[in-house]
N, C-alpha and C. Protein backbone atom coordinates (compact mmCIF):
# COMPACT_ATOMS: atom_id res chain seq x y z
N MET A 1 -14.50 22.31 -60.23
CA MET A 1 -13.71 21.71 -59.18
C MET A 1 -12.28 21.58 -59.68
N SER A 2 -11.34 22.06 -58.92
CA SER A 2 -9.94 21.99 -59.36
C SER A 2 -9.42 20.56 -59.21
N PHE A 3 -8.41 20.24 -60.01
CA PHE A 3 -7.88 18.89 -60.03
C PHE A 3 -7.19 18.53 -58.72
N GLU A 4 -6.63 19.50 -58.01
CA GLU A 4 -5.93 19.22 -56.76
C GLU A 4 -6.89 18.80 -55.65
N ARG A 5 -8.13 19.26 -55.72
CA ARG A 5 -9.08 19.01 -54.65
C ARG A 5 -9.91 17.75 -54.86
N ARG A 6 -9.77 17.11 -55.99
CA ARG A 6 -10.56 15.91 -56.26
C ARG A 6 -10.14 14.77 -55.34
N LYS A 7 -11.12 14.07 -54.80
CA LYS A 7 -10.84 12.96 -53.90
C LYS A 7 -10.46 11.73 -54.71
N VAL A 8 -9.55 10.95 -54.17
CA VAL A 8 -9.11 9.70 -54.78
C VAL A 8 -9.32 8.60 -53.76
N ARG A 9 -9.90 7.49 -54.18
CA ARG A 9 -10.13 6.35 -53.29
C ARG A 9 -9.63 5.08 -53.96
N ILE A 10 -9.26 4.10 -53.16
CA ILE A 10 -8.86 2.79 -53.68
C ILE A 10 -9.83 1.76 -53.10
N GLY A 11 -10.40 0.94 -53.99
CA GLY A 11 -11.38 -0.03 -53.55
C GLY A 11 -11.45 -1.24 -54.46
N THR A 12 -12.36 -2.14 -54.12
CA THR A 12 -12.54 -3.39 -54.84
C THR A 12 -13.85 -3.37 -55.61
N VAL A 13 -13.81 -3.83 -56.85
CA VAL A 13 -15.03 -3.92 -57.66
C VAL A 13 -15.87 -5.07 -57.13
N VAL A 14 -17.13 -4.79 -56.76
CA VAL A 14 -18.02 -5.82 -56.25
C VAL A 14 -19.14 -6.16 -57.22
N SER A 15 -19.36 -5.32 -58.24
CA SER A 15 -20.39 -5.60 -59.23
C SER A 15 -20.01 -4.95 -60.56
N ASP A 16 -20.19 -5.74 -61.64
CA ASP A 16 -19.92 -5.21 -62.98
C ASP A 16 -21.08 -5.53 -63.92
N LYS A 17 -22.26 -5.69 -63.39
CA LYS A 17 -23.42 -6.11 -64.18
C LYS A 17 -24.01 -5.00 -65.04
N MET A 18 -23.77 -3.75 -64.68
CA MET A 18 -24.32 -2.63 -65.44
C MET A 18 -23.42 -2.28 -66.63
N ASP A 19 -23.99 -1.59 -67.60
CA ASP A 19 -23.24 -1.16 -68.76
C ASP A 19 -22.49 0.12 -68.44
N LYS A 20 -21.18 0.12 -68.62
CA LYS A 20 -20.30 1.27 -68.39
C LYS A 20 -20.29 1.75 -66.95
N THR A 21 -20.64 0.86 -66.01
CA THR A 21 -20.66 1.22 -64.59
C THR A 21 -20.17 0.04 -63.77
N VAL A 22 -19.36 0.31 -62.76
CA VAL A 22 -18.97 -0.70 -61.79
C VAL A 22 -19.27 -0.16 -60.40
N VAL A 23 -19.54 -1.06 -59.47
CA VAL A 23 -19.75 -0.68 -58.08
C VAL A 23 -18.46 -1.02 -57.34
N VAL A 24 -17.89 -0.02 -56.68
CA VAL A 24 -16.61 -0.18 -55.98
C VAL A 24 -16.85 0.00 -54.49
N THR A 25 -16.36 -0.95 -53.69
CA THR A 25 -16.45 -0.85 -52.24
C THR A 25 -15.13 -0.37 -51.68
N VAL A 26 -15.19 0.70 -50.90
CA VAL A 26 -14.01 1.26 -50.25
C VAL A 26 -14.13 0.99 -48.76
N GLU A 27 -13.06 0.45 -48.17
CA GLU A 27 -13.05 0.10 -46.75
C GLU A 27 -12.07 1.00 -46.01
N TRP A 28 -12.43 1.43 -44.82
CA TRP A 28 -11.49 2.18 -43.99
C TRP A 28 -11.79 1.88 -42.53
N ARG A 29 -10.87 2.26 -41.65
CA ARG A 29 -11.05 2.01 -40.21
C ARG A 29 -11.29 3.34 -39.50
N GLN A 30 -12.16 3.26 -38.51
CA GLN A 30 -12.52 4.45 -37.75
C GLN A 30 -12.68 4.03 -36.29
N PRO A 31 -12.16 4.80 -35.34
CA PRO A 31 -12.32 4.40 -33.94
C PRO A 31 -13.77 4.56 -33.47
N TYR A 32 -14.24 3.58 -32.71
CA TYR A 32 -15.57 3.66 -32.12
C TYR A 32 -15.57 4.79 -31.10
N ALA A 33 -16.63 5.58 -31.07
CA ALA A 33 -16.65 6.82 -30.28
C ALA A 33 -16.41 6.60 -28.79
N LEU A 34 -17.07 5.62 -28.19
CA LEU A 34 -16.98 5.44 -26.74
C LEU A 34 -15.76 4.62 -26.34
N TYR A 35 -15.54 3.49 -27.00
CA TYR A 35 -14.51 2.55 -26.56
C TYR A 35 -13.18 2.71 -27.31
N ARG A 36 -13.14 3.51 -28.35
CA ARG A 36 -11.93 3.78 -29.13
C ARG A 36 -11.38 2.53 -29.83
N LYS A 37 -12.20 1.50 -29.96
CA LYS A 37 -11.78 0.31 -30.71
C LYS A 37 -11.94 0.60 -32.20
N SER A 38 -11.01 0.10 -32.99
CA SER A 38 -11.04 0.33 -34.43
C SER A 38 -12.14 -0.50 -35.07
N VAL A 39 -12.99 0.15 -35.87
CA VAL A 39 -14.13 -0.50 -36.51
C VAL A 39 -14.01 -0.30 -38.02
N LYS A 40 -14.28 -1.38 -38.79
CA LYS A 40 -14.25 -1.27 -40.25
C LYS A 40 -15.51 -0.60 -40.75
N ARG A 41 -15.34 0.29 -41.70
CA ARG A 41 -16.46 0.95 -42.36
C ARG A 41 -16.34 0.70 -43.85
N ARG A 42 -17.48 0.56 -44.53
CA ARG A 42 -17.49 0.33 -45.97
C ARG A 42 -18.46 1.29 -46.64
N THR A 43 -18.06 1.75 -47.82
CA THR A 43 -18.93 2.59 -48.63
C THR A 43 -18.89 2.09 -50.05
N LYS A 44 -20.06 2.08 -50.70
CA LYS A 44 -20.14 1.66 -52.10
C LYS A 44 -20.26 2.90 -52.98
N PHE A 45 -19.44 2.94 -54.03
CA PHE A 45 -19.49 4.02 -55.00
C PHE A 45 -19.80 3.44 -56.37
N SER A 46 -20.68 4.12 -57.11
CA SER A 46 -20.89 3.77 -58.52
C SER A 46 -19.88 4.57 -59.32
N ALA A 47 -19.06 3.87 -60.11
CA ALA A 47 -18.00 4.52 -60.86
C ALA A 47 -18.15 4.24 -62.34
N HIS A 48 -17.76 5.22 -63.15
CA HIS A 48 -17.87 5.12 -64.61
C HIS A 48 -16.73 4.27 -65.17
N ASP A 49 -17.09 3.27 -65.97
CA ASP A 49 -16.13 2.39 -66.63
C ASP A 49 -16.51 2.36 -68.11
N SER A 50 -15.96 3.30 -68.89
CA SER A 50 -16.41 3.50 -70.26
C SER A 50 -16.20 2.30 -71.17
N GLU A 51 -15.18 1.48 -70.92
CA GLU A 51 -14.88 0.35 -71.81
C GLU A 51 -15.31 -1.00 -71.24
N ASN A 52 -15.97 -1.03 -70.11
CA ASN A 52 -16.40 -2.28 -69.46
C ASN A 52 -15.23 -3.25 -69.29
N GLN A 53 -14.09 -2.75 -68.86
CA GLN A 53 -12.90 -3.59 -68.76
C GLN A 53 -12.62 -4.11 -67.36
N TYR A 54 -13.27 -3.57 -66.34
CA TYR A 54 -13.01 -3.98 -64.97
C TYR A 54 -14.00 -5.05 -64.56
N LYS A 55 -13.50 -6.07 -63.84
CA LYS A 55 -14.31 -7.22 -63.44
C LYS A 55 -14.38 -7.31 -61.92
N VAL A 56 -15.27 -8.15 -61.42
CA VAL A 56 -15.45 -8.35 -59.98
C VAL A 56 -14.14 -8.83 -59.37
N GLY A 57 -13.75 -8.23 -58.25
CA GLY A 57 -12.54 -8.61 -57.54
C GLY A 57 -11.35 -7.73 -57.84
N ASP A 58 -11.41 -6.90 -58.88
CA ASP A 58 -10.28 -6.05 -59.24
C ASP A 58 -10.09 -4.94 -58.22
N LEU A 59 -8.84 -4.62 -57.92
CA LEU A 59 -8.51 -3.49 -57.05
C LEU A 59 -8.27 -2.29 -57.95
N VAL A 60 -9.06 -1.22 -57.77
CA VAL A 60 -9.00 -0.07 -58.68
C VAL A 60 -8.87 1.24 -57.91
N ARG A 61 -8.40 2.27 -58.61
CA ARG A 61 -8.34 3.63 -58.07
C ARG A 61 -9.45 4.43 -58.74
N ILE A 62 -10.29 5.12 -57.94
CA ILE A 62 -11.37 5.92 -58.49
C ILE A 62 -11.13 7.38 -58.15
N LEU A 63 -11.65 8.27 -59.01
CA LEU A 63 -11.43 9.71 -58.88
C LEU A 63 -12.78 10.42 -58.90
N GLU A 64 -12.96 11.35 -57.98
CA GLU A 64 -14.19 12.12 -57.91
C GLU A 64 -14.28 13.06 -59.10
N GLY A 65 -15.51 13.28 -59.60
CA GLY A 65 -15.67 14.18 -60.74
C GLY A 65 -17.08 14.72 -60.82
N ARG A 66 -17.41 15.24 -61.98
CA ARG A 66 -18.74 15.81 -62.18
C ARG A 66 -19.78 14.70 -62.21
N PRO A 67 -21.05 15.02 -61.95
CA PRO A 67 -22.10 14.00 -62.03
C PRO A 67 -22.24 13.46 -63.45
N ILE A 68 -22.19 12.13 -63.57
CA ILE A 68 -22.34 11.48 -64.87
C ILE A 68 -23.77 10.96 -65.02
N SER A 69 -24.37 10.53 -63.92
CA SER A 69 -25.77 10.10 -63.90
C SER A 69 -26.31 10.38 -62.50
N LYS A 70 -27.47 9.82 -62.21
CA LYS A 70 -28.10 10.09 -60.92
C LYS A 70 -27.23 9.65 -59.74
N THR A 71 -26.55 8.52 -59.88
CA THR A 71 -25.74 7.99 -58.77
C THR A 71 -24.24 8.00 -59.04
N LYS A 72 -23.82 8.23 -60.27
CA LYS A 72 -22.39 8.17 -60.60
C LYS A 72 -21.73 9.53 -60.47
N ARG A 73 -20.74 9.59 -59.54
CA ARG A 73 -19.95 10.80 -59.34
C ARG A 73 -18.46 10.48 -59.39
N TRP A 74 -18.11 9.25 -59.72
CA TRP A 74 -16.73 8.79 -59.70
C TRP A 74 -16.37 8.15 -61.03
N ARG A 75 -15.07 8.18 -61.37
CA ARG A 75 -14.54 7.52 -62.57
C ARG A 75 -13.44 6.56 -62.15
N VAL A 76 -13.36 5.42 -62.81
CA VAL A 76 -12.24 4.51 -62.55
C VAL A 76 -11.04 5.03 -63.31
N VAL A 77 -9.95 5.27 -62.59
CA VAL A 77 -8.75 5.85 -63.21
C VAL A 77 -7.80 4.75 -63.67
N GLU A 78 -7.54 3.76 -62.79
CA GLU A 78 -6.58 2.73 -63.16
C GLU A 78 -6.83 1.43 -62.40
N LEU A 79 -6.33 0.37 -62.99
CA LEU A 79 -6.39 -0.96 -62.39
C LEU A 79 -5.11 -1.16 -61.60
N LEU A 80 -5.23 -1.47 -60.31
CA LEU A 80 -4.05 -1.68 -59.48
C LEU A 80 -3.68 -3.16 -59.39
N GLN A 81 -4.71 -4.02 -59.31
CA GLN A 81 -4.45 -5.46 -59.20
C GLN A 81 -5.63 -6.23 -59.75
N ARG A 82 -5.33 -7.21 -60.60
CA ARG A 82 -6.39 -8.05 -61.18
C ARG A 82 -6.57 -9.28 -60.30
N GLU A 83 -7.78 -9.57 -59.88
CA GLU A 83 -8.07 -10.72 -59.03
C GLU A 83 -8.83 -11.75 -59.84
N GLU A 84 -8.33 -12.97 -59.85
CA GLU A 84 -9.00 -14.05 -60.59
C GLU A 84 -10.10 -14.64 -59.71
N ILE A 85 -11.32 -14.61 -60.22
CA ILE A 85 -12.47 -15.16 -59.52
C ILE A 85 -12.87 -16.44 -60.22
N ALA A 86 -13.23 -17.46 -59.46
CA ALA A 86 -13.63 -18.74 -60.03
C ALA A 86 -14.90 -18.58 -60.87
N GLU A 87 -14.93 -19.25 -62.00
CA GLU A 87 -16.09 -19.21 -62.90
C GLU A 87 -17.24 -20.05 -62.35
N VAL A 88 -16.94 -21.05 -61.51
CA VAL A 88 -17.95 -21.97 -61.01
C VAL A 88 -18.67 -21.33 -59.83
N GLN A 89 -19.98 -21.40 -59.86
CA GLN A 89 -20.79 -20.85 -58.79
C GLN A 89 -21.01 -21.92 -57.70
N PRO A 90 -21.27 -21.54 -56.46
CA PRO A 90 -21.46 -22.51 -55.38
C PRO A 90 -22.59 -23.51 -55.67
N ASP A 91 -23.66 -23.08 -56.32
CA ASP A 91 -24.76 -23.99 -56.63
C ASP A 91 -24.28 -25.12 -57.53
N GLU A 92 -23.44 -24.82 -58.49
CA GLU A 92 -22.93 -25.83 -59.42
C GLU A 92 -22.05 -26.84 -58.69
N ILE A 93 -21.28 -26.40 -57.72
CA ILE A 93 -20.41 -27.31 -56.96
C ILE A 93 -21.26 -28.30 -56.19
N VAL A 94 -22.33 -27.83 -55.55
CA VAL A 94 -23.20 -28.70 -54.77
C VAL A 94 -23.86 -29.74 -55.67
N VAL A 95 -24.33 -29.33 -56.85
CA VAL A 95 -24.99 -30.25 -57.77
C VAL A 95 -24.01 -31.32 -58.23
N GLU A 96 -22.78 -30.92 -58.59
CA GLU A 96 -21.77 -31.88 -59.04
C GLU A 96 -21.42 -32.86 -57.93
N ALA A 97 -21.28 -32.37 -56.70
CA ALA A 97 -20.91 -33.24 -55.58
C ALA A 97 -22.01 -34.26 -55.32
N THR A 98 -23.27 -33.86 -55.36
CA THR A 98 -24.36 -34.81 -55.11
C THR A 98 -24.44 -35.84 -56.22
N GLU A 99 -24.18 -35.44 -57.47
CA GLU A 99 -24.19 -36.40 -58.57
C GLU A 99 -23.09 -37.44 -58.39
N GLU A 100 -21.91 -37.03 -57.93
CA GLU A 100 -20.81 -37.96 -57.69
C GLU A 100 -21.16 -38.93 -56.58
N ILE A 101 -21.78 -38.45 -55.52
CA ILE A 101 -22.15 -39.30 -54.39
C ILE A 101 -23.18 -40.33 -54.83
N VAL A 102 -24.16 -39.91 -55.61
CA VAL A 102 -25.18 -40.83 -56.10
C VAL A 102 -24.56 -41.88 -57.01
N ALA A 103 -23.64 -41.48 -57.88
CA ALA A 103 -22.99 -42.43 -58.79
C ALA A 103 -22.16 -43.44 -58.00
N GLU A 104 -21.46 -43.02 -56.97
CA GLU A 104 -20.68 -43.94 -56.13
C GLU A 104 -21.59 -44.92 -55.40
N ALA A 105 -22.73 -44.44 -54.93
CA ALA A 105 -23.67 -45.32 -54.22
C ALA A 105 -24.24 -46.37 -55.17
N GLU A 106 -24.54 -45.99 -56.40
CA GLU A 106 -25.08 -46.94 -57.37
C GLU A 106 -24.06 -48.01 -57.73
N THR A 107 -22.79 -47.62 -57.91
CA THR A 107 -21.76 -48.62 -58.24
C THR A 107 -21.50 -49.54 -57.07
N ALA A 108 -21.62 -49.06 -55.85
CA ALA A 108 -21.42 -49.90 -54.67
C ALA A 108 -22.52 -50.94 -54.56
N GLU A 109 -23.74 -50.60 -54.95
CA GLU A 109 -24.86 -51.55 -54.88
C GLU A 109 -24.72 -52.64 -55.95
N GLU A 110 -24.16 -52.30 -57.11
CA GLU A 110 -24.04 -53.26 -58.21
C GLU A 110 -22.94 -54.28 -57.96
N GLU A 111 -21.85 -53.92 -57.28
CA GLU A 111 -20.74 -54.83 -57.04
C GLU A 111 -21.13 -55.88 -56.01
N PRO A 112 -20.71 -57.14 -56.21
CA PRO A 112 -21.04 -58.18 -55.22
C PRO A 112 -20.26 -57.93 -53.93
N ALA A 113 -20.83 -58.35 -52.83
CA ALA A 113 -20.22 -58.14 -51.52
C ALA A 113 -19.08 -59.13 -51.33
N THR A 114 -17.87 -58.67 -51.28
CA THR A 114 -16.71 -59.51 -50.96
C THR A 114 -16.03 -58.86 -49.78
N GLY A 115 -16.31 -59.35 -48.65
CA GLY A 115 -15.75 -58.73 -47.46
C GLY A 115 -15.29 -59.78 -46.49
N GLU A 116 -15.63 -59.63 -45.26
CA GLU A 116 -15.19 -60.52 -44.20
C GLU A 116 -15.81 -61.90 -44.33
N SER A 117 -17.04 -61.98 -44.86
CA SER A 117 -17.70 -63.28 -44.96
C SER A 117 -16.95 -64.21 -45.90
N GLY A 118 -16.38 -63.71 -47.01
CA GLY A 118 -15.61 -64.54 -47.94
C GLY A 118 -14.33 -65.04 -47.31
N GLU A 119 -13.67 -64.25 -46.50
CA GLU A 119 -12.44 -64.66 -45.86
C GLU A 119 -12.70 -65.70 -44.78
N GLY A 120 -13.81 -65.57 -44.09
CA GLY A 120 -14.14 -66.51 -43.03
C GLY A 120 -14.38 -67.91 -43.55
N GLU A 121 -14.95 -68.04 -44.74
CA GLU A 121 -15.21 -69.34 -45.33
C GLU A 121 -13.92 -70.04 -45.68
N LYS A 122 -12.93 -69.29 -46.20
CA LYS A 122 -11.65 -69.88 -46.56
C LYS A 122 -10.95 -70.44 -45.35
N GLU A 123 -10.97 -69.74 -44.24
CA GLU A 123 -10.32 -70.21 -43.03
C GLU A 123 -10.99 -71.44 -42.47
N ALA A 124 -12.31 -71.52 -42.61
CA ALA A 124 -13.03 -72.68 -42.10
C ALA A 124 -12.70 -73.92 -42.92
N ASP A 125 -12.44 -73.79 -44.22
CA ASP A 125 -12.10 -74.93 -45.06
C ASP A 125 -10.74 -75.51 -44.71
N GLU A 126 -9.82 -74.73 -44.30
CA GLU A 126 -8.47 -75.19 -43.98
C GLU A 126 -8.48 -75.85 -42.68
């Protein structure tokens, strides 16, 4: 395959769990056949990442090439933009939030009730 004819795509890394492989999602728009409304299309490509340097969320350029494995036909050529992804998972946020709510409820039960009833007694004495 000549170098001029190789396809180049730009996409986002959605998985980096494999060794020397990343999954890149490429998005494009295509008109719907009947109504001509623009519709988003997505394709996932397995791309070769020899140094395991690309992470989830990165915007990368991939280049078509010879078959590297059963599903890999693309190589990551360059990093276009690094995206910082939060280290905290949604499950951890929920657990932390519930622990805080429980702790607040426990401290509220331990404190003596000083509210409207205490103020009403003072006014009655005067």
